[in-house]
Amino acid sequence: MLDRTQLIRLCGLVVLLSLATTAWSDTMTGVSSKASQGSNDSVLWSQLGADATVLAASAKATSGAGVAVNVAFAGANSLASAVCAAAPTCSWSGTGFASGDRIIWTADAAASGNGPVSLSFGTSVSGAGALIQADEPGQFTALIQAFNGSTLLGSFSVTSNATGDAVYVGILDQTGANITSVTFSLTACGTADASCVRSDFGLDTVFLNVGSGSGTTVSLTPTSLNFGAVAVGVTSAVQRVTLKNTGTAALAISSIAITGTNSTEFIKTATTCGASLAVKAACTISVDFKPAATGARAAVISIIDNGSGSPQQVPLSGTGTTVKFAPASLSFGDVALGVSSVKTITLTNIATTALSITAIAITGTNAADFTQTHTCGASLAAGAKCTFSITFTPLVIGTRSASLSVADSAAGSPQLIPLKGVGTTAKLAPTSLNFGSVTVGTTTAAKLITLTNIGTTALTITSITITGAAAGDFSQTHTCGASLAAGANCTISVQFKPTVAGNRGAAIRVTDNAAGSPQQVPVSGKGI
């Protein structure tokens, strides 16, 4: 990597402007300075990592105003770098960039250029621009292109001075926020060096024009949805996006649709909003994912409304795979500290060829609270199944989470199955009651549940109730007061009197001040 302070003398910028042809309408305007762009938002590269962080072929970022930004390169090994003054300790010094700036440099020391750089926005913008500089000395020409989906709206180019100091290249859409993505690139460079690589350049902070200058009137939370790996033909769990009217007038919604390459595989299952959304009001959009093929799948929720930045867009992604996990996630509920709860996951190879399994592990924030054993070998035949026995033993009070990670030869590897449980100091034993078959109208003998406070301070008990579809078929009495001393226990006596034939179910619910409250014990029986 070159030290530009040793190669390039400091000089003023002599900028030669090359406007796009009149084939673009006069609504698209090129800008050659941050001041003339009049931006109201920016994307800082410091969020991608410290100096010399090597980047993958794509990265996710967020603007200061909360716009989701997907950054894509022509290949991996791009670099997030800091720009330093003379005799730098940082990875790059570039004339025209400010000392201490964070830039994206499109190659590391072991790779040739990986430009151009494309930015796709979660919310449409009306303008974008940034300082850009070729890595090697000599005059260069920079280009910015603006798109709405796959449609090229216009382009604008700027030529640097003879020594190749950084220049600003930007573009504005005078008709409003119609830009969904921009691409920065070099079209010429290196008159002083025959080996100049046009895809090798540095890009400083990208400045954006969001809405009409006062920010959008709509917020979307989250700004993207990732469904992870889902077996082909299997429908994922539903995920939701909350849309909120943050403006000062009612928001008129024309349409909400899923568009893009794999739009038929992402299904909008429900919305809670109508054609108009009052000020400060919010609604939800529910989506699930059912892949029709293996590999990465993508689409976009597109919301057309009268707000700034319309259409509002939420990127959707997921991976179709040939491994099916049932269930697709495990929740252990409340488990007392030091007590173990065991649940099972089944893996099915739905492909027509054998599945190679290379590694199985528990990963994630609280991996130590979960253990696994399994019946899976190094290969799983087409159509075959194997099982994982997952044990949750909470070590700490509160919510605990991890994932079962299975590295294999299927798309989306490693497959990650979310695991969750809550460590609590309120221990209920047994963890379920089944009264078996009972004649309708007959009351059973009582079965007991013991509540033990395994904490070091008193447990405050607010209520003990029965909830659920058949709550009226069960009754309870208890010896528990409003407070249960540390180490003490009390009992809940439960009886079953079926009112109709068939399976009946409910839950004993204990509301207290322990983690995971309310604690619940499922109760069941069958009326005959």
Protein backbone atom coordinates (compact mmCIF):
# COMPACT_ATOMS: atom_id res chain seq x y z
CA MET A 1 0.00 0.00 0.00
CA LEU A 2 1.39 3.41 -0.93
CA ASP A 3 2.09 6.29 1.46
CA ARG A 4 0.55 9.06 -0.57
CA THR A 5 2.11 11.82 1.58
CA GLN A 6 5.50 10.72 0.27
CA LEU A 7 4.32 10.49 -3.36
CA ILE A 8 2.04 13.43 -3.89
CA ARG A 9 2.84 17.05 -3.16
CA LEU A 10 0.12 19.06 -1.52
CA CYS A 11 -1.73 21.20 -4.02
CA GLY A 12 -5.14 22.69 -4.59
CA LEU A 13 -7.75 20.67 -6.31
CA VAL A 14 -8.17 21.36 -9.98
CA VAL A 15 -11.36 19.59 -10.81
CA LEU A 16 -12.52 18.93 -14.32
CA LEU A 17 -16.21 18.23 -14.36
CA SER A 18 -17.64 15.81 -16.89
CA LEU A 19 -21.44 15.88 -16.85
CA ALA A 20 -23.51 12.89 -17.95
CA THR A 21 -25.09 13.19 -21.40
CA THR A 22 -28.47 14.80 -21.88
CA ALA A 23 -29.97 11.33 -22.25
CA TRP A 24 -30.67 11.70 -18.52
CA SER A 25 -33.44 14.09 -17.70
CA ASP A 26 -32.50 17.43 -16.13
CA THR A 27 -33.91 16.15 -12.84
CA MET A 28 -30.61 14.29 -12.20
CA THR A 29 -27.84 16.70 -11.20
CA GLY A 30 -24.17 16.04 -10.50
CA VAL A 31 -22.38 17.71 -7.59
CA SER A 32 -18.66 18.07 -6.93
CA SER A 33 -18.66 19.20 -3.30
CA LYS A 34 -20.31 18.27 -0.04
CA ALA A 35 -21.56 21.84 0.34
CA SER A 36 -23.37 21.83 -3.01
CA GLN A 37 -25.03 18.50 -2.15
CA GLY A 38 -26.70 19.92 0.97
CA SER A 39 -26.81 16.50 2.63
CA ASN A 40 -28.69 15.77 5.85
CA ASP A 41 -27.39 12.28 6.64
CA SER A 42 -24.17 10.27 6.38
CA VAL A 43 -22.76 6.73 6.49
CA LEU A 44 -19.62 6.46 8.63
CA TRP A 45 -17.25 3.57 7.91
CA SER A 46 -15.99 3.44 11.52
CA GLN A 47 -18.96 1.15 12.22
CA LEU A 48 -17.36 -1.56 10.05
CA GLY A 49 -14.39 -2.00 12.36
CA ALA A 50 -11.07 -0.61 13.50
CA ASP A 51 -8.27 0.45 11.18
CA ALA A 52 -7.11 -2.34 8.83
CA THR A 53 -10.28 -4.43 9.31
CA VAL A 54 -10.57 -6.78 6.31
CA LEU A 55 -14.11 -6.83 4.91
CA ALA A 56 -16.14 -9.53 3.17
CA ALA A 57 -17.71 -9.04 -0.26
CA SER A 58 -20.70 -7.37 1.41
CA ALA A 59 -21.29 -5.57 4.68
CA LYS A 60 -24.23 -3.96 6.46
CA ALA A 61 -24.17 -0.42 7.80
CA THR A 62 -26.62 2.16 9.14
CA SER A 63 -26.69 5.90 8.46
CA GLY A 64 -26.87 8.45 11.24
CA ALA A 65 -30.60 8.85 10.58
CA GLY A 66 -31.19 5.10 10.73
CA VAL A 67 -31.25 4.23 7.01
CA ALA A 68 -30.20 0.61 6.45
CA VAL A 69 -27.31 0.41 3.96
CA ASN A 70 -25.99 -2.73 2.27
CA VAL A 71 -22.43 -2.23 0.99
CA ALA A 72 -21.27 -4.56 -1.78
CA PHE A 73 -17.86 -4.95 -3.43
CA ALA A 74 -16.82 -6.85 -6.53
CA GLY A 75 -14.99 -9.27 -4.23
CA ALA A 76 -13.82 -9.82 -0.67
CA ASN A 77 -10.65 -8.40 0.96
CA SER A 78 -11.64 -4.76 0.97
CA LEU A 79 -10.36 -2.79 3.94
CA ALA A 80 -11.73 -0.32 6.47
CA SER A 81 -8.79 2.03 6.99
CA ALA A 82 -7.92 5.15 8.96
CA VAL A 83 -6.21 8.08 7.26
CA CYS A 84 -3.28 9.49 9.19
CA ALA A 85 -1.00 12.51 8.99
CA ALA A 86 2.66 12.36 7.92
CA ALA A 87 4.66 9.34 9.14
CA PRO A 88 1.41 7.49 9.80
CA THR A 89 0.83 4.58 12.11
CA CYS A 90 -2.46 3.88 10.34
CA SER A 91 -2.88 1.83 7.20
CA TRP A 92 -3.26 4.59 4.60
CA SER A 93 -2.57 8.29 4.18
CA GLY A 94 -4.38 9.94 1.27
CA THR A 95 -4.08 13.56 0.13
CA GLY A 96 -7.49 15.20 0.26
CA PHE A 97 -8.83 13.01 3.05
CA ALA A 98 -8.88 14.46 6.55
CA SER A 99 -6.53 13.11 9.19
CA GLY A 100 -8.37 10.50 11.27
CA ASP A 101 -11.06 9.83 8.65
CA ARG A 102 -12.23 6.25 8.15
CA ILE A 103 -12.39 5.16 4.54
CA ILE A 104 -13.15 2.02 2.59
CA TRP A 105 -10.14 1.01 0.54
CA THR A 106 -11.16 -1.55 -2.07
CA ALA A 107 -8.21 -3.92 -1.59
CA ASP A 108 -5.81 -5.07 1.12
CA ALA A 109 -2.07 -5.55 0.68
CA ALA A 110 -2.49 -9.10 -0.66
CA ALA A 111 -5.18 -8.36 -3.26
CA SER A 112 -5.72 -6.29 -6.36
CA GLY A 113 -8.67 -3.93 -6.55
CA ASN A 114 -12.15 -5.07 -5.68
CA GLY A 115 -14.17 -2.02 -6.69
CA PRO A 116 -16.66 -0.76 -7.67
CA VAL A 117 -18.53 -0.10 -4.41
CA SER A 118 -22.34 -0.27 -4.42
CA LEU A 119 -24.64 1.01 -1.68
CA SER A 120 -28.26 -0.18 -1.51
CA PHE A 121 -30.58 1.74 0.79
CA GLY A 122 -33.38 0.45 3.01
CA THR A 123 -35.18 3.76 2.39
CA SER A 124 -35.01 5.58 -0.95
CA VAL A 125 -32.89 8.75 -0.94
CA SER A 126 -32.72 11.82 -3.16
CA GLY A 127 -28.94 12.13 -3.25
CA ALA A 128 -25.57 10.60 -2.35
CA GLY A 129 -21.91 11.54 -2.68
CA ALA A 130 -18.43 11.08 -1.22
CA LEU A 131 -14.76 11.96 -1.53
CA ILE A 132 -12.96 9.38 -3.66
CA GLN A 133 -9.29 8.82 -4.56
CA ALA A 134 -7.35 6.34 -6.70
CA ASP A 135 -4.72 4.44 -4.74
CA GLU A 136 -1.94 5.11 -7.25
CA PRO A 137 -0.66 8.56 -8.32
CA GLY A 138 -1.83 10.40 -11.37
CA GLN A 139 -5.02 11.88 -12.71
CA PHE A 140 -8.16 9.75 -12.40
CA THR A 141 -11.85 10.02 -13.25
CA ALA A 142 -14.51 8.98 -10.72
CA LEU A 143 -18.08 7.98 -11.57
CA ILE A 144 -21.27 7.77 -9.52
CA GLN A 145 -24.35 6.00 -10.89
CA ALA A 146 -27.84 6.22 -9.34
CA PHE A 147 -30.48 3.49 -9.69
CA ASN A 148 -34.10 2.88 -8.84
CA GLY A 149 -34.19 -0.90 -8.57
CA SER A 150 -32.46 -2.08 -11.75
CA THR A 151 -33.24 1.14 -13.66
CA LEU A 152 -30.31 3.52 -14.17
CA LEU A 153 -31.56 7.01 -13.31
CA GLY A 154 -28.38 8.84 -14.27
CA SER A 155 -24.63 9.17 -13.74
CA PHE A 156 -22.05 11.89 -13.09
CA SER A 157 -18.28 11.88 -13.33
CA VAL A 158 -15.48 14.07 -11.95
CA THR A 159 -11.82 14.17 -13.07
CA SER A 160 -9.11 14.94 -10.50
CA ASN A 161 -6.09 17.21 -10.89
CA ALA A 162 -2.93 15.86 -12.50
CA THR A 163 -1.47 14.52 -9.28
CA GLY A 164 -4.59 12.62 -8.28
CA ASP A 165 -5.83 14.37 -5.14
CA ALA A 166 -9.18 13.22 -3.73
CA VAL A 167 -12.32 14.64 -5.35
CA TYR A 168 -15.97 14.74 -4.37
CA VAL A 169 -18.46 13.01 -6.65
CA GLY A 170 -22.20 13.08 -5.95
CA ILE A 171 -25.60 13.03 -7.60
CA LEU A 172 -29.01 14.52 -6.78
CA ASP A 173 -32.52 13.66 -7.98
CA GLN A 174 -34.48 16.91 -8.12
CA THR A 175 -37.85 15.12 -8.29
CA GLY A 176 -37.55 13.54 -4.84
CA ALA A 177 -36.35 10.40 -3.09
CA ASN A 178 -36.22 7.94 -6.00
CA ILE A 179 -32.69 6.54 -5.57
CA THR A 180 -32.57 3.00 -4.13
CA SER A 181 -28.84 2.42 -4.76
CA VAL A 182 -25.66 4.11 -6.01
CA THR A 183 -22.38 2.76 -7.36
CA PHE A 184 -18.97 4.45 -7.03
CA SER A 185 -16.21 3.51 -9.49
CA LEU A 186 -13.21 4.80 -11.44
CA THR A 187 -13.39 5.02 -15.23
CA ALA A 188 -9.78 6.13 -15.73
CA CYS A 189 -6.67 6.49 -13.58
CA GLY A 190 -2.91 6.27 -13.33
CA THR A 191 -1.51 8.42 -16.13
CA ALA A 192 1.71 8.41 -14.11
CA ASP A 193 1.68 4.64 -13.63
CA ALA A 194 0.92 2.15 -16.41
CA SER A 195 -0.07 -0.52 -13.86
CA CYS A 196 -2.90 1.49 -12.30
CA VAL A 197 -5.90 -0.67 -11.36
CA ARG A 198 -9.22 1.19 -11.80
CA SER A 199 -10.96 -0.97 -9.22
CA ASP A 200 -8.43 0.03 -6.54
CA PHE A 201 -9.55 3.20 -4.74
CA GLY A 202 -10.51 4.76 -1.42
CA LEU A 203 -13.98 6.05 -0.53
CA ASP A 204 -14.58 8.42 2.38
CA THR A 205 -17.80 9.06 4.36
CA VAL A 206 -20.86 8.82 2.09
CA PHE A 207 -23.26 11.72 2.54
CA LEU A 208 -26.99 11.25 1.83
CA ASN A 209 -30.02 13.40 1.15
CA VAL A 210 -32.91 11.73 2.92
CA GLY A 211 -36.43 12.88 2.05
CA SER A 212 -36.79 16.54 1.26
CA GLY A 213 -34.22 17.66 3.80
CA SER A 214 -36.05 17.18 7.09
CA GLY A 215 -35.80 13.40 7.37
CA THR A 216 -38.34 10.74 6.53
CA THR A 217 -41.86 10.74 7.97
CA VAL A 218 -41.82 6.97 8.40
CA SER A 219 -39.67 4.72 10.58
CA LEU A 220 -39.30 0.97 10.03
CA THR A 221 -38.19 -1.41 12.78
CA PRO A 222 -36.23 -3.52 12.11
CA THR A 223 -34.80 -2.16 8.87
CA SER A 224 -34.26 -5.65 7.41
CA LEU A 225 -35.38 -9.25 8.02
CA ASN A 226 -33.13 -12.31 7.77
CA PHE A 227 -34.86 -15.69 8.05
CA GLY A 228 -31.64 -17.72 8.11
CA ALA A 229 -31.58 -21.24 6.67
CA VAL A 230 -34.99 -22.82 6.04
CA ALA A 231 -35.62 -26.22 4.44
CA VAL A 232 -36.96 -26.11 0.90
CA GLY A 233 -40.77 -26.30 0.95
CA VAL A 234 -40.96 -25.57 4.69
CA THR A 235 -42.51 -22.34 5.97
CA SER A 236 -40.47 -20.38 8.48
CA ALA A 237 -41.70 -18.74 11.65
CA VAL A 238 -43.33 -15.35 11.04
CA GLN A 239 -41.23 -12.21 11.42
CA ARG A 240 -42.65 -8.70 11.70
CA VAL A 241 -41.76 -5.16 10.72
CA THR A 242 -43.25 -2.20 12.59
CA LEU A 243 -44.06 0.87 10.49
CA LYS A 244 -44.55 4.12 12.44
CA ASN A 245 -45.75 7.49 11.19
CA THR A 246 -43.17 9.89 12.64
CA GLY A 247 -44.43 12.91 10.67
CA THR A 248 -46.87 15.66 11.53
CA ALA A 249 -49.71 14.63 9.21
CA ALA A 250 -51.62 11.46 8.42
CA LEU A 251 -49.72 8.95 6.28
CA ALA A 252 -51.64 7.69 3.24
CA ILE A 253 -50.58 4.16 2.26
CA SER A 254 -51.16 3.24 -1.37
CA SER A 255 -49.79 -0.31 -1.35
CA ILE A 256 -47.64 -2.81 0.55
CA ALA A 257 -46.09 -5.48 -1.62
CA ILE A 258 -43.16 -7.88 -1.74
CA THR A 259 -41.00 -7.35 -4.80
CA GLY A 260 -37.61 -8.47 -6.05
CA THR A 261 -35.82 -11.52 -7.38
CA ASN A 262 -37.39 -14.15 -5.10
CA SER A 263 -40.56 -12.30 -4.16
CA THR A 264 -42.79 -15.40 -4.44
CA GLU A 265 -40.84 -17.13 -1.65
CA PHE A 266 -41.51 -14.42 0.95
CA ILE A 267 -45.18 -14.25 1.90
CA LYS A 268 -46.89 -11.22 3.44
CA THR A 269 -49.22 -13.03 5.83
CA ALA A 270 -50.86 -10.05 7.50
CA THR A 271 -50.83 -6.30 8.03
CA THR A 272 -52.50 -4.32 10.79
CA CYS A 273 -52.69 -1.06 8.85
CA GLY A 274 -55.30 0.41 6.56
CA ALA A 275 -55.05 3.06 3.88
CA SER A 276 -54.33 5.82 6.40
CA LEU A 277 -52.07 5.97 9.43
CA ALA A 278 -52.51 8.70 12.03
CA VAL A 279 -49.65 10.80 13.40
CA LYS A 280 -47.46 8.76 15.80
CA ALA A 281 -49.51 5.63 15.04
CA ALA A 282 -47.82 2.32 14.22
CA CYS A 283 -48.76 -0.87 12.43
CA THR A 284 -47.10 -4.22 11.70
CA ILE A 285 -46.35 -6.17 8.54
CA SER A 286 -45.98 -9.94 9.00
CA VAL A 287 -43.87 -12.02 6.63
CA ASP A 288 -42.76 -15.65 6.45
CA PHE A 289 -40.29 -17.42 4.16
CA LYS A 290 -40.89 -20.62 2.16
CA PRO A 291 -37.93 -21.28 -0.18
CA ALA A 292 -38.61 -23.01 -3.54
CA ALA A 293 -34.91 -23.64 -4.20
CA THR A 294 -31.61 -23.94 -2.36
CA GLY A 295 -29.16 -21.09 -1.90
CA ALA A 296 -29.45 -17.40 -0.99
CA ARG A 297 -32.91 -15.89 -1.61
CA ALA A 298 -33.80 -12.20 -1.44
CA ALA A 299 -36.71 -9.80 -1.88
CA VAL A 300 -37.96 -6.47 -0.54
CA ILE A 301 -41.04 -5.20 1.29
CA SER A 302 -42.02 -2.12 -0.72
CA ILE A 303 -44.39 0.39 0.88
CA ILE A 304 -45.76 3.14 -1.35
CA ASP A 305 -47.12 6.08 0.61
CA ASN A 306 -47.14 9.88 0.69
CA GLY A 307 -44.20 10.07 3.07
CA SER A 308 -40.73 11.32 2.20
CA GLY A 309 -38.56 8.58 0.76
CA SER A 310 -41.44 6.56 -0.71
CA PRO A 311 -41.33 3.74 -1.56
CA GLN A 312 -40.12 2.66 1.87
CA GLN A 313 -38.22 -0.60 1.54
CA VAL A 314 -37.23 -3.40 3.92
CA PRO A 315 -34.74 -5.95 2.52
CA LEU A 316 -35.67 -9.62 3.06
CA SER A 317 -33.17 -12.47 2.96
CA GLY A 318 -32.96 -16.17 3.69
CA THR A 319 -31.33 -19.37 2.50
CA GLY A 320 -33.07 -22.41 1.08
CA THR A 321 -31.49 -25.62 2.33
CA THR A 322 -32.05 -29.39 2.17
CA VAL A 323 -31.80 -29.99 5.91
CA LYS A 324 -34.95 -29.79 8.01
CA PHE A 325 -34.87 -29.26 11.77
CA ALA A 326 -37.97 -29.92 13.85
CA PRO A 327 -38.63 -27.90 15.84
CA ALA A 328 -36.77 -24.99 14.19
CA SER A 329 -36.02 -23.51 17.63
CA LEU A 330 -36.23 -24.57 21.27
CA SER A 331 -37.59 -22.61 24.21
CA PHE A 332 -37.14 -24.23 27.63
CA GLY A 333 -39.17 -21.65 29.52
CA ASP A 334 -38.34 -21.14 33.20
CA VAL A 335 -35.87 -23.57 34.74
CA ALA A 336 -34.52 -23.26 38.28
CA LEU A 337 -30.82 -22.61 38.70
CA GLY A 338 -28.84 -25.85 38.62
CA VAL A 339 -31.84 -27.90 37.44
CA SER A 340 -31.68 -29.58 34.03
CA SER A 341 -34.39 -29.67 31.37
CA VAL A 342 -34.04 -31.84 28.24
CA LYS A 343 -35.67 -31.41 24.82
CA THR A 344 -35.12 -33.05 21.43
CA ILE A 345 -34.53 -31.76 17.90
CA THR A 346 -34.84 -34.00 14.84
CA LEU A 347 -32.72 -33.44 11.71
CA THR A 348 -34.07 -34.79 8.39
CA ASN A 349 -32.09 -34.85 5.16
CA ILE A 350 -34.73 -33.97 2.54
CA ALA A 351 -32.22 -34.02 -0.34
CA THR A 352 -31.81 -36.85 -2.85
CA THR A 353 -28.14 -37.34 -1.93
CA ALA A 354 -26.31 -38.04 1.32
CA LEU A 355 -25.60 -35.15 3.72
CA SER A 356 -22.06 -34.80 5.07
CA ILE A 357 -21.89 -33.57 8.67
CA THR A 358 -18.52 -32.12 9.69
CA ALA A 359 -19.12 -30.50 13.08
CA ILE A 360 -21.80 -30.17 15.77
CA ALA A 361 -21.47 -27.67 18.61
CA ILE A 362 -23.31 -25.31 20.94
CA THR A 363 -22.38 -21.70 20.19
CA GLY A 364 -23.53 -18.26 21.23
CA THR A 365 -23.65 -15.92 24.22
CA ASN A 366 -24.64 -18.47 26.90
CA ALA A 367 -23.32 -21.65 25.30
CA ALA A 368 -22.14 -22.96 28.71
CA ASP A 369 -25.77 -23.26 29.87
CA PHE A 370 -26.62 -25.76 27.12
CA THR A 371 -25.19 -29.19 26.24
CA GLN A 372 -26.00 -31.66 23.46
CA THR A 373 -25.70 -35.30 22.52
CA HIS A 374 -26.76 -36.69 19.17
CA THR A 375 -27.26 -39.79 17.04
CA CYS A 376 -25.89 -38.19 13.85
CA GLY A 377 -22.86 -39.69 12.13
CA ALA A 378 -20.51 -38.17 9.55
CA SER A 379 -23.05 -38.90 6.80
CA LEU A 380 -26.85 -38.88 6.73
CA ALA A 381 -28.52 -40.71 3.86
CA ALA A 382 -31.16 -39.08 1.69
CA GLY A 383 -34.48 -39.10 3.56
CA ALA A 384 -32.84 -40.27 6.82
CA LYS A 385 -33.15 -38.69 10.26
CA CYS A 386 -31.02 -38.24 13.37
CA THR A 387 -31.73 -36.55 16.71
CA PHE A 388 -30.13 -34.08 19.08
CA SER A 389 -30.81 -34.17 22.80
CA ILE A 390 -30.40 -30.63 24.17
CA THR A 391 -30.04 -30.06 27.91
CA PHE A 392 -30.56 -26.64 29.50
CA THR A 393 -29.04 -26.13 32.95
CA PRO A 394 -29.12 -22.40 33.77
CA LEU A 395 -26.02 -21.14 35.53
CA VAL A 396 -27.23 -17.56 36.03
CA ILE A 397 -30.57 -15.89 36.73
CA GLY A 398 -32.29 -14.39 33.68
CA THR A 399 -32.72 -15.10 29.97
CA ARG A 400 -30.07 -17.42 28.51
CA SER A 401 -29.59 -18.00 24.80
CA ALA A 402 -27.35 -19.96 22.44
CA SER A 403 -27.58 -21.97 19.21
CA LEU A 404 -27.12 -25.54 18.09
CA SER A 405 -24.61 -25.22 15.22
CA VAL A 406 -24.45 -27.97 12.59
CA ALA A 407 -21.78 -27.65 9.89
CA ASP A 408 -22.69 -29.74 6.86
CA SER A 409 -22.69 -29.92 3.07
CA ALA A 410 -26.12 -28.28 2.67
CA ALA A 411 -26.75 -24.66 1.66
CA GLY A 412 -26.70 -22.21 4.56
CA SER A 413 -24.12 -24.16 6.57
CA PRO A 414 -23.56 -23.89 9.45
CA GLN A 415 -27.24 -24.37 10.30
CA LEU A 416 -28.11 -22.49 13.50
CA ILE A 417 -31.06 -23.55 15.65
CA PRO A 418 -31.87 -20.95 18.34
CA LEU A 419 -31.98 -22.14 21.95
CA LYS A 420 -33.48 -20.11 24.79
CA GLY A 421 -34.40 -20.51 28.43
CA VAL A 422 -34.75 -18.49 31.63
CA GLY A 423 -32.82 -19.21 34.80
CA THR A 424 -34.98 -18.57 37.85
CA THR A 425 -34.90 -18.98 41.62
CA ALA A 426 -38.53 -20.15 41.78
CA LYS A 427 -38.40 -23.94 41.42
CA LEU A 428 -41.62 -25.81 40.61
CA ALA A 429 -41.68 -29.61 40.86
CA PRO A 430 -42.92 -31.54 39.04
CA THR A 431 -42.75 -29.44 35.87
CA SER A 432 -46.08 -30.85 34.58
CA LEU A 433 -49.12 -32.81 35.83
CA ASN A 434 -51.22 -35.34 33.92
CA PHE A 435 -54.41 -36.71 35.54
CA GLY A 436 -55.05 -39.34 32.87
CA SER A 437 -58.60 -40.40 31.89
CA VAL A 438 -61.38 -39.29 34.25
CA THR A 439 -65.16 -39.70 34.03
CA VAL A 440 -66.89 -36.44 33.15
CA GLY A 441 -68.19 -34.74 36.32
CA THR A 442 -65.90 -36.74 38.65
CA THR A 443 -63.32 -34.92 40.81
CA THR A 444 -59.90 -36.57 41.12
CA ALA A 445 -57.71 -36.86 44.15
CA ALA A 446 -55.32 -33.94 44.52
CA LYS A 447 -51.88 -33.88 42.96
CA LEU A 448 -49.20 -31.64 44.49
CA ILE A 449 -46.80 -29.12 43.02
CA THR A 450 -44.01 -27.89 45.30
CA LEU A 451 -42.73 -24.32 44.95
CA THR A 452 -39.22 -23.85 46.39
CA ASN A 453 -37.35 -20.57 46.72
CA ILE A 454 -33.76 -21.52 45.85
CA GLY A 455 -32.64 -17.90 45.95
CA THR A 456 -30.82 -16.12 48.78
CA THR A 457 -33.56 -13.56 49.44
CA ALA A 458 -37.30 -13.80 50.10
CA LEU A 459 -39.59 -14.51 47.13
CA THR A 460 -42.59 -12.19 46.81
CA ILE A 461 -45.66 -14.04 45.49
CA THR A 462 -48.30 -11.87 43.84
CA SER A 463 -50.80 -14.51 42.72
CA ILE A 464 -51.38 -18.19 41.96
CA THR A 465 -54.03 -18.83 39.32
CA ILE A 466 -55.15 -21.31 36.67
CA THR A 467 -55.08 -20.20 33.05
CA GLY A 468 -55.70 -21.78 29.67
CA ALA A 469 -58.47 -23.13 27.46
CA ALA A 470 -59.84 -25.62 30.01
CA ALA A 471 -59.03 -23.65 33.19
CA GLY A 472 -62.55 -24.33 34.51
CA ASP A 473 -61.87 -28.08 34.63
CA PHE A 474 -59.05 -27.66 37.19
CA SER A 475 -58.99 -26.23 40.71
CA GLN A 476 -56.19 -25.40 43.15
CA THR A 477 -55.52 -24.54 46.77
CA HIS A 478 -52.11 -23.71 48.21
CA THR A 479 -50.10 -23.12 51.37
CA CYS A 480 -48.09 -20.24 49.89
CA GLY A 481 -48.29 -16.81 51.49
CA ALA A 482 -47.34 -13.43 50.06
CA SER A 483 -43.67 -14.12 50.79
CA LEU A 484 -41.54 -17.26 50.72
CA ALA A 485 -38.26 -17.18 52.65
CA ALA A 486 -34.97 -18.16 51.03
CA GLY A 487 -34.72 -21.98 51.01
CA ALA A 488 -38.36 -22.43 52.02
CA ASN A 489 -41.11 -24.20 50.08
CA CYS A 490 -44.89 -24.35 49.85
CA THR A 491 -47.36 -26.61 48.03
CA ILE A 492 -50.08 -26.15 45.44
CA SER A 493 -52.80 -28.82 45.50
CA VAL A 494 -54.45 -29.37 42.09
CA GLN A 495 -57.62 -31.34 41.22
CA PHE A 496 -59.21 -32.21 37.86
CA LYS A 497 -62.98 -32.41 37.17
CA PRO A 498 -63.63 -32.71 33.42
CA THR A 499 -66.76 -30.94 32.25
CA VAL A 500 -66.79 -32.54 28.79
CA ALA A 501 -65.22 -35.53 27.07
CA GLY A 502 -61.88 -35.18 25.33
CA ASN A 503 -58.43 -33.83 26.08
CA ARG A 504 -58.38 -30.93 28.53
CA GLY A 505 -55.45 -28.67 29.32
CA ALA A 506 -54.53 -25.61 31.37
CA ALA A 507 -51.62 -24.28 33.45
CA ILE A 508 -50.92 -23.38 37.06
CA ARG A 509 -49.54 -19.84 36.93
CA VAL A 510 -47.38 -18.36 39.70
CA THR A 511 -46.69 -14.63 39.49
CA ASP A 512 -43.76 -13.51 41.65
CA ASN A 513 -40.60 -11.38 41.66
CA ALA A 514 -38.30 -14.13 40.37
CA ALA A 515 -36.78 -14.09 36.89
CA GLY A 516 -39.10 -15.46 34.23
CA SER A 517 -42.29 -14.62 36.13
CA PRO A 518 -44.94 -15.83 35.75
CA GLN A 519 -43.78 -19.43 36.16
CA GLN A 520 -46.14 -22.03 34.71
CA VAL A 521 -46.77 -25.75 35.17
CA PRO A 522 -48.88 -27.39 32.41
CA VAL A 523 -51.75 -29.55 33.71
CA SER A 524 -53.74 -31.97 31.57
CA GLY A 525 -56.30 -34.75 31.63
CA LYS A 526 -58.93 -36.44 29.50
CA GLY A 527 -62.66 -36.49 30.09
CA ILE A 528 -64.40 -39.82 29.30
